[in-house]
């Protein structure tokens, strides 16, 4: 799977984050009223592409006008608006007054291809490189089942009218001179949801897309982006609503430092949030519920059980293996459980999930979730809000309070691949040490698919299966700010600080049945 760009700060990263920050800055300064359509507001957005891409000489592409047009599309998506397109005149902020409506953000598609930014990369094509030596044996020609390879000027030549892209020639070439060209976004997509339109540009099959976001962070041309709710969150804050953030376990170290929770709370306070809670609390409840389900159902009712907390993995499994959908845990995710806990204490609050994951945006769209989770922001989007308010995270004062309502070490490790299954197993062993729980975990949707195929064939009888769409776990999500290894180590250090080892030590354990049974099964039905 593609992934070499992850953790590398590129000019694309800079532009993406500048758009988040500059849009947030305009809304903080001028956008207190969602119906604001005055000239200052419109002018600010019309001028923004020129601030992000100054001058009259192109830096990255063939034209500065193209660079600005692409930035305009990113601005609109950041505002939760559909792409502008180039087929008719439209201002950057057109439709902004409608963006405050409760349905505006939920208009599909969530993941978008900016067509004129796409390089129309070759996909699944074999080409001969200059490394070809025109050797005497010609093994590539001899092995080709379609006779697609001939030799011209002592170099191998592939007739793509005959080639079926089997790859046998590349495998047999002693000089590794035949290269397999794959579109980076398509290679990163574990759902095989990316094809080509009539012009060879990337096109997403929205029926298959599970919004893992791996395509958008692996496109080297920055042609893929998802919609944001950054503007809607700021509007809620400026409108005087009680807005509470629920931060995912992968937050540790994302904004700098080594997991200083006091600084994080202070940063959110300066942004206007009324409070911050740790989603790892909900992870404890999820681990307990999945442990109970495993003991009750495996292997008597179902042959194996998959975890539920990664929405991209669970969506893929249910979509492609509907006859085994009941083998995926029906437990509510940590995001939803935490939101319901907050809602019990703050019934009128707007709840914002802040995390690493583009797929959580898709999860929040579901009717059964949206009543609890009002908005979803990635760490990148939240960093944009901090930049807009000139908040230097590392220079903030610690509020000198204790950590969040304390989640267990196991719950905090939900952010790292293998952590979910480990938390569930530890709950089972605490009360049933005699029970043997075999575990297998997969990272990336291709591995997840193979895992469930093998499980259906009987390779994992009675197993607990953990699926993570992002290789490395949630710390590798599309909306993260830090390199995966650095984030993994930060999460592990923070987990060790908890006075509770496993989920059953959590003081909120008594809430699990009340919270999880309120709308039992709705997530699974979606």
Protein backbone atom coordinates (compact mmCIF):
# COMPACT_ATOMS: atom_id res chain seq x y z
CA UNK A 1 0.00 0.00 0.00
CA UNK A 2 1.18 3.51 -0.77
CA UNK A 3 2.27 5.49 2.23
CA UNK A 4 5.70 7.00 1.63
CA UNK A 5 4.34 10.56 1.84
CA UNK A 6 3.02 10.11 5.36
CA UNK A 7 4.91 12.13 7.93
CA UNK A 8 6.69 14.20 5.28
CA UNK A 9 5.87 17.90 5.45
CA UNK A 10 5.45 18.99 1.83
CA UNK A 11 4.29 22.15 0.10
CA UNK A 12 0.91 20.43 -0.31
CA UNK A 13 0.73 19.97 3.45
CA UNK A 14 1.51 23.64 3.90
CA UNK A 15 -1.19 24.80 1.47
CA UNK A 16 -3.79 22.48 3.00
CA UNK A 17 -3.11 23.77 6.49
CA UNK A 18 -2.92 27.39 5.39
CA UNK A 19 -6.40 27.08 3.91
CA UNK A 20 -7.77 25.74 7.20
CA UNK A 21 -6.09 28.52 9.18
CA UNK A 22 -7.03 31.38 6.85
CA UNK A 23 -10.67 30.31 6.48
CA UNK A 24 -10.95 30.01 10.26
CA UNK A 25 -9.35 33.44 10.69
CA UNK A 26 -11.92 35.08 8.39
CA UNK A 27 -14.82 33.43 10.22
CA UNK A 28 -13.48 34.43 13.63
CA UNK A 29 -13.07 38.02 12.45
CA UNK A 30 -16.12 38.53 10.22
CA UNK A 31 -18.38 35.52 10.42
CA UNK A 32 -20.25 35.81 13.69
CA UNK A 33 -23.53 35.78 11.76
CA UNK A 34 -24.02 32.80 9.38
CA UNK A 35 -26.26 34.96 7.20
CA UNK A 36 -23.51 37.54 6.84
CA UNK A 37 -23.25 38.38 3.16
CA UNK A 38 -21.80 41.87 3.40
CA UNK A 39 -19.07 43.06 1.05
CA UNK A 40 -16.29 42.67 3.62
CA UNK A 41 -17.13 39.01 4.05
CA UNK A 42 -17.30 38.23 0.31
CA UNK A 43 -14.22 40.29 -0.42
CA UNK A 44 -12.18 38.48 2.23
CA UNK A 45 -12.84 35.14 0.57
CA UNK A 46 -12.27 36.50 -2.94
CA UNK A 47 -8.88 37.82 -1.84
CA UNK A 48 -7.84 34.73 0.09
CA UNK A 49 -6.54 32.68 -2.92
CA UNK A 50 -4.26 35.63 -3.78
CA UNK A 51 -2.87 35.68 -0.23
CA UNK A 52 -2.18 31.95 -0.25
CA UNK A 53 -0.77 32.01 -3.81
CA UNK A 54 0.80 35.48 -4.22
CA UNK A 55 2.54 36.97 -7.23
CA UNK A 56 2.16 36.27 -10.94
CA UNK A 57 4.59 33.39 -11.39
CA UNK A 58 3.47 29.78 -10.86
CA UNK A 59 5.39 27.88 -8.19
CA UNK A 60 3.97 24.37 -8.42
CA UNK A 61 1.95 24.10 -11.63
CA UNK A 62 1.97 25.47 -15.16
CA UNK A 63 -0.14 28.51 -14.26
CA UNK A 64 -0.66 30.69 -11.20
CA UNK A 65 -4.31 30.92 -12.23
CA UNK A 66 -4.64 27.15 -11.99
CA UNK A 67 -2.96 27.18 -8.58
CA UNK A 68 -5.45 29.74 -7.30
CA UNK A 69 -8.41 27.91 -8.83
CA UNK A 70 -7.41 24.78 -6.92
CA UNK A 71 -7.03 26.75 -3.70
CA UNK A 72 -10.52 28.19 -4.28
CA UNK A 73 -11.94 24.65 -4.37
CA UNK A 74 -10.14 23.78 -1.15
CA UNK A 75 -11.55 26.91 0.47
CA UNK A 76 -15.09 25.91 -0.50
CA UNK A 77 -14.67 22.39 0.85
CA UNK A 78 -13.29 23.82 4.09
CA UNK A 79 -16.46 25.91 4.30
CA UNK A 80 -18.54 22.75 3.91
CA UNK A 81 -19.65 23.80 0.42
CA UNK A 82 -19.64 21.80 -2.81
CA UNK A 83 -16.90 22.29 -5.38
CA UNK A 84 -17.10 25.47 -7.40
CA UNK A 85 -16.21 23.95 -10.75
CA UNK A 86 -15.18 25.87 -13.86
CA UNK A 87 -18.25 25.47 -16.07
CA UNK A 88 -19.98 28.65 -14.88
CA UNK A 89 -19.19 31.84 -12.95
CA UNK A 90 -19.35 31.45 -9.18
CA UNK A 91 -17.79 33.39 -6.33
CA UNK A 92 -15.66 31.61 -3.77
CA UNK A 93 -18.21 32.19 -1.01
CA UNK A 94 -21.36 31.58 -3.04
CA UNK A 95 -23.85 29.58 -0.98
CA UNK A 96 -22.19 30.53 2.29
CA UNK A 97 -25.44 31.69 3.86
CA UNK A 98 -26.82 28.17 3.36
CA UNK A 99 -23.78 26.50 4.92
CA UNK A 100 -25.14 27.03 8.43
CA UNK A 101 -28.12 24.80 7.77
CA UNK A 102 -28.06 21.43 9.54
CA UNK A 103 -28.01 19.51 6.25
CA UNK A 104 -25.44 21.60 4.37
CA UNK A 105 -22.37 19.61 5.37
CA UNK A 106 -24.04 16.27 4.80
CA UNK A 107 -24.58 16.74 1.07
CA UNK A 108 -22.47 14.08 -0.66
CA UNK A 109 -19.80 13.53 -1.66
CA UNK A 110 -17.66 13.82 1.46
CA UNK A 111 -14.40 12.96 -0.35
CA UNK A 112 -13.99 15.04 -3.51
CA UNK A 113 -11.69 14.99 -6.53
CA UNK A 114 -10.74 18.45 -7.79
CA UNK A 115 -10.69 17.40 -11.42
CA UNK A 116 -8.46 20.12 -12.85
CA UNK A 117 -5.90 19.43 -10.13
CA UNK A 118 -5.65 15.74 -11.06
CA UNK A 119 -2.59 14.71 -13.08
CA UNK A 120 -4.50 11.88 -14.80
CA UNK A 121 -1.81 9.48 -13.59
CA UNK A 122 -1.43 6.16 -15.36
CA UNK A 123 -3.13 3.35 -13.51
CA UNK A 124 -2.18 -0.33 -13.69
CA UNK A 125 0.18 0.10 -16.65
CA UNK A 126 3.51 -1.68 -17.24
CA UNK A 127 6.27 0.28 -18.96
CA UNK A 128 9.86 -0.55 -19.88
CA UNK A 129 12.45 1.76 -18.31
CA UNK A 130 15.90 2.75 -19.52
CA UNK A 131 17.33 -0.02 -17.34
CA UNK A 132 16.43 -2.54 -20.06
CA UNK A 133 19.62 -4.16 -21.44
CA UNK A 134 18.01 -5.91 -24.40
CA UNK A 135 19.40 -9.18 -23.10
CA UNK A 136 19.83 -12.26 -25.25
CA UNK A 137 17.38 -14.42 -23.29
CA UNK A 138 14.37 -12.07 -23.70
CA UNK A 139 12.52 -13.74 -20.77
CA UNK A 140 9.91 -10.97 -20.72
CA UNK A 141 8.93 -11.73 -24.32
CA UNK A 142 8.94 -15.47 -23.82
CA UNK A 143 6.72 -15.42 -20.74
CA UNK A 144 4.12 -12.92 -21.99
CA UNK A 145 0.87 -14.86 -22.49
CA UNK A 146 -0.48 -12.36 -25.04
CA UNK A 147 2.59 -11.77 -27.19
CA UNK A 148 2.55 -8.12 -26.19
CA UNK A 149 6.34 -7.72 -25.98
CA UNK A 150 8.64 -7.21 -28.94
CA UNK A 151 12.10 -5.67 -29.25
CA UNK A 152 12.85 -2.38 -30.96
CA UNK A 153 16.37 -0.98 -31.15
CA UNK A 154 17.47 -3.75 -28.76
CA UNK A 155 15.00 -2.61 -26.10
CA UNK A 156 11.82 -4.33 -24.94
CA UNK A 157 8.60 -2.70 -26.12
CA UNK A 158 5.13 -3.39 -24.67
CA UNK A 159 2.08 -3.16 -26.95
CA UNK A 160 -0.58 -1.90 -24.55
CA UNK A 161 -3.35 -2.90 -26.92
CA UNK A 162 -2.41 -6.51 -26.20
CA UNK A 163 -1.11 -6.17 -22.62
CA UNK A 164 -3.44 -7.48 -19.89
CA UNK A 165 -1.31 -6.09 -17.03
CA UNK A 166 -0.61 -9.52 -15.58
CA UNK A 167 2.86 -8.45 -14.45
CA UNK A 168 4.61 -11.65 -15.48
CA UNK A 169 7.17 -9.71 -17.53
CA UNK A 170 8.09 -7.47 -14.60
CA UNK A 171 8.52 -10.47 -12.32
CA UNK A 172 10.89 -12.28 -14.67
CA UNK A 173 13.07 -9.33 -15.80
CA UNK A 174 16.59 -9.85 -14.37
CA UNK A 175 17.26 -6.07 -14.42
CA UNK A 176 13.91 -5.05 -12.89
CA UNK A 177 13.54 -2.82 -15.92
CA UNK A 178 9.78 -3.12 -16.26
CA UNK A 179 7.86 -0.90 -13.87
CA UNK A 180 4.27 -1.15 -12.76
CA UNK A 181 2.71 2.31 -12.79
CA UNK A 182 -0.23 2.67 -10.41
CA UNK A 183 -2.12 5.85 -9.61
CA UNK A 184 -1.04 6.72 -6.02
CA UNK A 185 -4.57 7.45 -4.82
CA UNK A 186 -5.88 4.19 -6.29
CA UNK A 187 -3.02 2.22 -4.74
CA UNK A 188 -3.79 3.77 -1.35
CA UNK A 189 -7.49 2.99 -1.64
CA UNK A 190 -8.23 -0.30 0.08
CA UNK A 191 -11.76 -0.32 -1.35
CA UNK A 192 -10.68 -0.19 -5.01
CA UNK A 193 -13.11 2.70 -5.27
CA UNK A 194 -10.97 4.89 -7.53
CA UNK A 195 -11.13 4.60 -11.28
CA UNK A 196 -10.78 7.00 -14.20
CA UNK A 197 -13.19 9.30 -15.98
CA UNK A 198 -13.26 9.80 -19.75
CA UNK A 199 -10.23 12.10 -19.50
CA UNK A 200 -8.15 9.71 -17.42
CA UNK A 201 -8.61 11.70 -14.22
CA UNK A 202 -9.33 10.07 -10.90
CA UNK A 203 -12.95 9.34 -10.13
CA UNK A 204 -14.29 7.97 -6.84
CA UNK A 205 -17.05 5.40 -6.77
CA UNK A 206 -18.99 6.87 -3.86
CA UNK A 207 -20.97 3.66 -3.42
CA UNK A 208 -17.78 1.91 -2.38
CA UNK A 209 -15.93 4.74 -0.63
CA UNK A 210 -15.75 4.38 3.17
CA UNK A 211 -14.00 7.75 3.65
CA UNK A 212 -10.81 6.38 5.17
CA UNK A 213 -9.03 9.35 3.60
CA UNK A 214 -5.92 7.47 2.52
CA UNK A 215 -6.36 8.71 -1.05
CA UNK A 216 -6.31 12.36 -0.07
CA UNK A 217 -3.07 12.07 1.91
CA UNK A 218 -1.36 9.99 -0.79
CA UNK A 219 -2.23 12.09 -3.84
CA UNK A 220 1.02 13.95 -4.67
CA UNK A 221 -0.92 16.57 -6.65
CA UNK A 222 -3.31 17.52 -3.85
CA UNK A 223 -6.29 16.77 -6.08
CA UNK A 224 -8.40 15.06 -3.41
CA UNK A 225 -9.92 16.75 -0.37
CA UNK A 226 -12.79 16.20 2.03
CA UNK A 227 -15.44 18.57 3.31
CA UNK A 228 -14.97 20.22 6.68
CA UNK A 229 -17.23 21.51 9.43
CA UNK A 230 -14.64 23.99 10.68
CA UNK A 231 -16.80 26.99 9.77
CA UNK A 232 -19.92 25.56 11.36
CA UNK A 233 -18.05 24.85 14.60
CA UNK A 234 -16.76 28.41 14.82
CA UNK A 235 -20.22 29.80 14.07
CA UNK A 236 -21.62 27.78 16.97
CA UNK A 237 -18.92 29.14 19.29
CA UNK A 238 -19.40 32.74 18.15
CA UNK A 239 -23.15 32.33 18.44
CA UNK A 240 -22.81 31.72 22.17
CA UNK A 241 -23.66 28.02 22.17
CA UNK A 242 -22.12 25.62 24.63
CA UNK A 243 -19.60 23.76 22.46
CA UNK A 244 -17.76 20.81 23.99
CA UNK A 245 -14.87 18.97 22.35
CA UNK A 246 -14.36 15.23 22.64
CA UNK A 247 -10.75 14.43 21.70
CA UNK A 248 -9.75 11.04 20.31
CA UNK A 249 -7.03 8.96 22.03
CA UNK A 250 -4.62 9.78 19.19
CA UNK A 251 -4.49 13.46 20.27
CA UNK A 252 -1.34 13.01 22.33
CA UNK A 253 1.53 15.05 20.92
CA UNK A 254 -0.41 16.06 17.80
CA UNK A 255 -0.19 19.78 18.60
CA UNK A 256 3.33 19.64 20.02
CA UNK A 257 4.84 18.66 23.34
CA UNK A 258 4.50 15.31 25.04
CA UNK A 259 0.85 15.03 25.85
CA UNK A 260 0.41 17.97 28.18
CA UNK A 261 -3.33 17.81 28.80
CA UNK A 262 -3.42 21.10 30.69
CA UNK A 263 -2.09 22.96 27.65
CA UNK A 264 -4.67 21.25 25.45
CA UNK A 265 -7.54 22.35 27.68
CA UNK A 266 -6.19 25.89 27.71
CA UNK A 267 -5.93 25.91 23.91
CA UNK A 268 -9.53 24.79 23.52
CA UNK A 269 -10.65 27.38 26.08
CA UNK A 270 -8.95 30.14 24.07
CA UNK A 271 -10.73 28.87 20.96
CA UNK A 272 -14.05 29.32 22.73
CA UNK A 273 -14.90 25.75 23.68
CA UNK A 274 -16.87 25.32 26.91
CA UNK A 275 -15.15 22.07 27.78
CA UNK A 276 -13.00 19.14 26.65
CA UNK A 277 -13.43 15.43 27.33
CA UNK A 278 -11.26 12.44 26.47
CA UNK A 279 -12.83 9.90 24.11
CA UNK A 280 -10.75 7.20 25.79
CA UNK A 281 -13.46 7.20 28.48
CA UNK A 282 -15.85 5.91 25.82
CA UNK A 283 -13.17 3.46 24.71
CA UNK A 284 -13.28 1.87 28.16
CA UNK A 285 -17.03 1.42 27.83
CA UNK A 286 -16.61 0.02 24.31
CA UNK A 287 -14.02 -2.51 25.51
CA UNK A 288 -16.34 -3.70 28.27
CA UNK A 289 -19.27 -4.06 25.91
CA UNK A 290 -17.26 -5.93 23.29
CA UNK A 291 -15.88 -8.26 25.97
CA UNK A 292 -19.42 -9.10 27.07
CA UNK A 293 -20.50 -9.67 23.47
CA UNK A 294 -17.52 -11.90 22.77
CA UNK A 295 -18.19 -14.07 25.82
CA UNK A 296 -21.88 -14.32 24.97
CA UNK A 297 -21.67 -14.94 21.24
CA UNK A 298 -18.34 -16.56 20.29
CA UNK A 299 -18.35 -19.32 19.20
CA UNK A 300 -21.91 -20.35 20.13
CA UNK A 301 -23.69 -17.75 17.97
CA UNK A 302 -21.01 -16.46 15.62
CA UNK A 303 -17.72 -18.11 14.56
CA UNK A 304 -15.59 -15.01 15.22
CA UNK A 305 -16.05 -11.37 16.20
CA UNK A 306 -14.60 -8.24 14.65
CA UNK A 307 -14.17 -5.01 16.60
CA UNK A 308 -16.34 -2.01 15.73
CA UNK A 309 -14.43 1.16 16.59
CA UNK A 310 -12.91 1.80 13.12
CA UNK A 311 -15.87 2.86 10.95
CA UNK A 312 -14.00 2.38 7.66
CA UNK A 313 -13.08 -1.22 8.50
CA UNK A 314 -16.52 -2.14 9.80
CA UNK A 315 -18.23 -0.49 6.80
CA UNK A 316 -16.02 -2.44 4.41
CA UNK A 317 -16.68 -5.72 6.19
CA UNK A 318 -20.45 -5.26 6.22
CA UNK A 319 -20.51 -4.02 2.63
CA UNK A 320 -18.44 -6.81 1.12
CA UNK A 321 -19.45 -9.68 3.42
CA UNK A 322 -23.11 -8.96 4.27
CA UNK A 323 -23.79 -12.58 5.18
CA UNK A 324 -21.26 -12.20 8.01
CA UNK A 325 -22.25 -8.69 9.09
CA UNK A 326 -23.40 -10.07 12.44
CA UNK A 327 -19.79 -11.10 13.10
CA UNK A 328 -18.81 -7.45 13.44
CA UNK A 329 -19.41 -6.10 16.93
CA UNK A 330 -22.57 -4.05 17.37
CA UNK A 331 -21.05 -2.06 20.23
CA UNK A 332 -21.25 1.69 19.85
CA UNK A 333 -17.93 3.32 19.07
CA UNK A 334 -15.93 5.29 21.66
CA UNK A 335 -16.89 8.51 19.85
CA UNK A 336 -20.59 7.85 20.24
CA UNK A 337 -20.36 6.56 23.81
CA UNK A 338 -18.39 9.61 24.89
CA UNK A 339 -20.85 11.92 23.16
CA UNK A 340 -23.73 10.28 25.00
CA UNK A 341 -21.96 10.68 28.31
CA UNK A 342 -21.47 14.38 27.59
CA UNK A 343 -25.09 14.72 26.48
CA UNK A 344 -26.32 13.34 29.80
CA UNK A 345 -24.61 16.22 31.61
CA UNK A 346 -25.00 18.87 28.91
CA UNK A 347 -28.25 18.19 27.03
CA UNK A 348 -28.12 21.39 24.97
CA UNK A 349 -24.44 21.38 24.08
CA UNK A 350 -22.95 21.08 20.63
CA UNK A 351 -20.54 18.15 20.71
CA UNK A 352 -17.47 18.21 18.47
CA UNK A 353 -15.43 15.05 17.94
CA UNK A 354 -11.79 16.01 17.32
CA UNK A 355 -9.67 13.23 15.96
CA UNK A 356 -7.40 11.80 13.28
CA UNK A 357 -10.09 10.27 11.14
CA UNK A 358 -11.90 11.24 7.96
CA UNK A 359 -14.17 8.19 8.31
CA UNK A 360 -15.57 9.57 11.57
CA UNK A 361 -17.16 12.28 9.45
CA UNK A 362 -18.99 9.56 7.55
CA UNK A 363 -19.95 7.83 10.79
CA UNK A 364 -21.41 11.07 12.15
CA UNK A 365 -23.59 11.46 9.06
CA UNK A 366 -25.62 8.40 10.05
CA UNK A 367 -28.95 9.33 11.52
CA UNK A 368 -28.41 7.27 14.66
CA UNK A 369 -25.21 9.17 15.50
CA UNK A 370 -25.94 12.73 14.49
CA UNK A 371 -28.31 13.30 17.40
CA UNK A 372 -25.28 13.02 19.68
CA UNK A 373 -22.26 14.08 17.61
CA UNK A 374 -22.92 17.46 16.04
CA UNK A 375 -19.60 18.09 14.33
CA UNK A 376 -16.42 16.21 13.44
CA UNK A 377 -13.05 17.93 13.00
CA UNK A 378 -9.65 16.44 12.26
CA UNK A 379 -6.51 17.41 14.15
CA UNK A 380 -5.39 19.32 11.05
CA UNK A 381 -8.59 21.35 11.04
CA UNK A 382 -8.30 22.02 14.76
CA UNK A 383 -4.70 23.16 14.25
CA UNK A 384 -6.05 25.58 11.66
CA UNK A 385 -8.34 27.07 14.29
CA UNK A 386 -5.38 27.45 16.66
CA UNK A 387 -3.33 29.16 13.96
CA UNK A 388 -6.24 31.50 13.21
CA UNK A 389 -6.23 32.64 16.84
CA UNK A 390 -2.41 32.79 16.96
CA UNK A 391 -2.29 30.16 19.69
CA UNK A 392 1.21 28.82 20.28
CA UNK A 393 0.41 25.53 21.97
CA UNK A 394 3.82 25.01 23.54
CA UNK A 395 3.79 28.47 25.14
CA UNK A 396 0.43 28.03 26.83
CA UNK A 397 0.17 27.84 30.59
CA UNK A 398 -0.83 24.53 32.14
CA UNK A 399 -4.21 24.92 33.85
CA UNK A 400 -2.78 22.85 36.76
CA UNK A 401 -5.74 20.53 36.81
CA UNK A 402 -5.47 16.78 36.82
CA UNK A 403 -5.86 14.79 33.61
CA UNK A 404 -9.26 14.33 32.03
CA UNK A 405 -11.76 12.05 33.75
CA UNK A 406 -9.23 9.27 33.86
CA UNK A 407 -9.45 6.56 31.24
CA UNK A 408 -7.49 3.35 31.54
CA UNK A 409 -4.13 2.72 29.93
CA UNK A 410 -5.79 0.19 27.63
CA UNK A 411 -8.38 2.72 26.47
CA UNK A 412 -5.73 5.29 25.61
CA UNK A 413 -4.01 2.62 23.51
CA UNK A 414 -7.07 2.35 21.24
CA UNK A 415 -5.20 4.82 18.99
CA UNK A 416 -2.49 2.28 18.12
CA UNK A 417 -2.93 -0.85 16.03
CA UNK A 418 -3.58 -3.85 18.27
CA UNK A 419 -4.75 -1.70 21.16
CA UNK A 420 -8.48 -2.32 20.80
CA UNK A 421 -8.20 -6.10 20.81
CA UNK A 422 -5.75 -6.00 23.71
CA UNK A 423 -8.18 -3.91 25.78
CA UNK A 424 -11.04 -6.35 25.15
CA UNK A 425 -8.88 -9.37 25.98
CA UNK A 426 -7.74 -7.81 29.25
CA UNK A 427 -11.34 -7.19 30.31
CA UNK A 428 -12.20 -10.82 29.60
CA UNK A 429 -9.17 -12.13 31.49
CA UNK A 430 -9.86 -9.93 34.51
CA UNK A 431 -13.14 -11.73 35.21
CA UNK A 432 -12.58 -14.96 33.30
CA UNK A 433 -8.86 -15.76 33.45
CA UNK A 434 -9.53 -19.31 32.33
CA UNK A 435 -10.90 -18.20 28.93
CA UNK A 436 -8.41 -18.34 26.08
CA UNK A 437 -8.91 -15.49 23.62
CA UNK A 438 -7.07 -15.74 20.34
CA UNK A 439 -6.52 -12.47 18.53
CA UNK A 440 -5.57 -11.40 15.03
CA UNK A 441 -5.30 -7.82 13.84
CA UNK A 442 -5.00 -6.32 10.38
CA UNK A 443 -3.89 -2.85 9.28
CA UNK A 444 -5.04 -1.30 6.03
CA UNK A 445 -8.25 -2.29 4.26
CA UNK A 446 -6.54 -4.76 1.94
CA UNK A 447 -5.21 -6.71 4.92
CA UNK A 448 -8.55 -6.35 6.68
CA UNK A 449 -10.32 -7.83 3.68
CA UNK A 450 -7.96 -10.79 3.59
CA UNK A 451 -8.38 -11.27 7.34
CA UNK A 452 -12.14 -11.60 7.12
CA UNK A 453 -11.89 -13.84 4.05
CA UNK A 454 -9.60 -16.15 5.98
CA UNK A 455 -11.91 -16.03 8.99
CA UNK A 456 -14.89 -17.04 6.86
CA UNK A 457 -12.86 -19.95 5.52
CA UNK A 458 -12.29 -21.10 9.09
CA UNK A 459 -8.72 -19.93 9.66
CA UNK A 460 -9.64 -17.96 12.82
CA UNK A 461 -12.24 -20.02 14.70
CA UNK A 462 -13.35 -18.29 17.88
CA UNK A 463 -10.97 -15.37 17.31
CA UNK A 464 -11.33 -11.72 18.17
CA UNK A 465 -10.41 -9.80 15.00
CA UNK A 466 -9.27 -6.19 15.07
CA UNK A 467 -9.45 -4.19 11.86
CA UNK A 468 -7.85 -0.80 11.31
CA UNK A 469 -8.24 0.98 7.97
CA UNK A 470 -5.10 3.06 8.50
CA UNK A 471 -1.79 1.16 8.70
CA UNK A 472 -0.53 1.82 12.21
CA UNK A 473 -3.98 2.52 13.62
CA UNK A 474 -5.70 5.81 14.35
CA UNK A 475 -2.35 7.57 14.81
CA UNK A 476 -2.00 7.18 11.04
CA UNK A 477 -5.36 8.72 10.20
CA UNK A 478 -5.77 11.15 7.32
CA UNK A 479 -6.23 14.13 9.66
CA UNK A 480 -3.12 13.70 11.80
CA UNK A 481 -0.32 16.23 12.19
CA UNK A 482 2.65 14.15 13.32
CA UNK A 483 4.65 11.21 11.90
CA UNK A 484 3.16 7.84 12.78
CA UNK A 485 6.09 6.50 14.85
CA UNK A 486 6.35 9.70 16.85
CA UNK A 487 2.61 9.65 17.59
CA UNK A 488 2.70 5.99 18.56
CA UNK A 489 5.42 6.60 21.14
CA UNK A 490 3.59 9.66 22.52
CA UNK A 491 0.37 7.68 22.96
CA UNK A 492 2.23 4.86 24.73
CA UNK A 493 3.90 7.29 27.15
CA UNK A 494 0.58 8.95 27.93
CA UNK A 495 -1.14 5.59 28.43
CA UNK A 496 1.38 4.65 31.12
CA UNK A 497 0.37 7.72 33.14
CA UNK A 498 -3.11 6.36 33.85
CA UNK A 499 -3.65 4.95 37.34
CA UNK A 500 -6.04 2.41 35.81
CA UNK A 501 -4.70 -0.52 33.84
CA UNK A 502 -7.80 -1.90 32.16
CA UNK A 503 -11.32 -0.80 31.26
CA UNK A 504 -13.06 -2.42 34.22
CA UNK A 505 -11.13 -0.09 36.55
CA UNK A 506 -12.99 2.86 35.01
CA UNK A 507 -15.33 4.64 37.40
CA UNK A 508 -17.88 5.14 34.59
CA UNK A 509 -18.41 1.43 34.09
CA UNK A 510 -21.89 1.56 35.61
CA UNK A 511 -23.07 3.78 32.77
CA UNK A 512 -22.43 1.29 30.01
CA UNK A 513 -25.79 -0.43 29.88
CA UNK A 514 -27.74 2.80 30.18
CA UNK A 515 -25.77 4.40 27.35
CA UNK A 516 -25.37 1.50 24.98
CA UNK A 517 -28.92 0.19 25.16
CA UNK A 518 -30.63 3.51 24.47
CA UNK A 519 -30.62 2.94 20.73
CA UNK A 520 -29.31 -0.60 20.57
CA UNK A 521 -28.30 -1.79 17.14
CA UNK A 522 -28.80 1.39 15.15
CA UNK A 523 -25.17 1.72 14.19
CA UNK A 524 -25.09 -1.87 12.94
CA UNK A 525 -28.19 -1.29 10.84
CA UNK A 526 -26.48 1.59 9.08
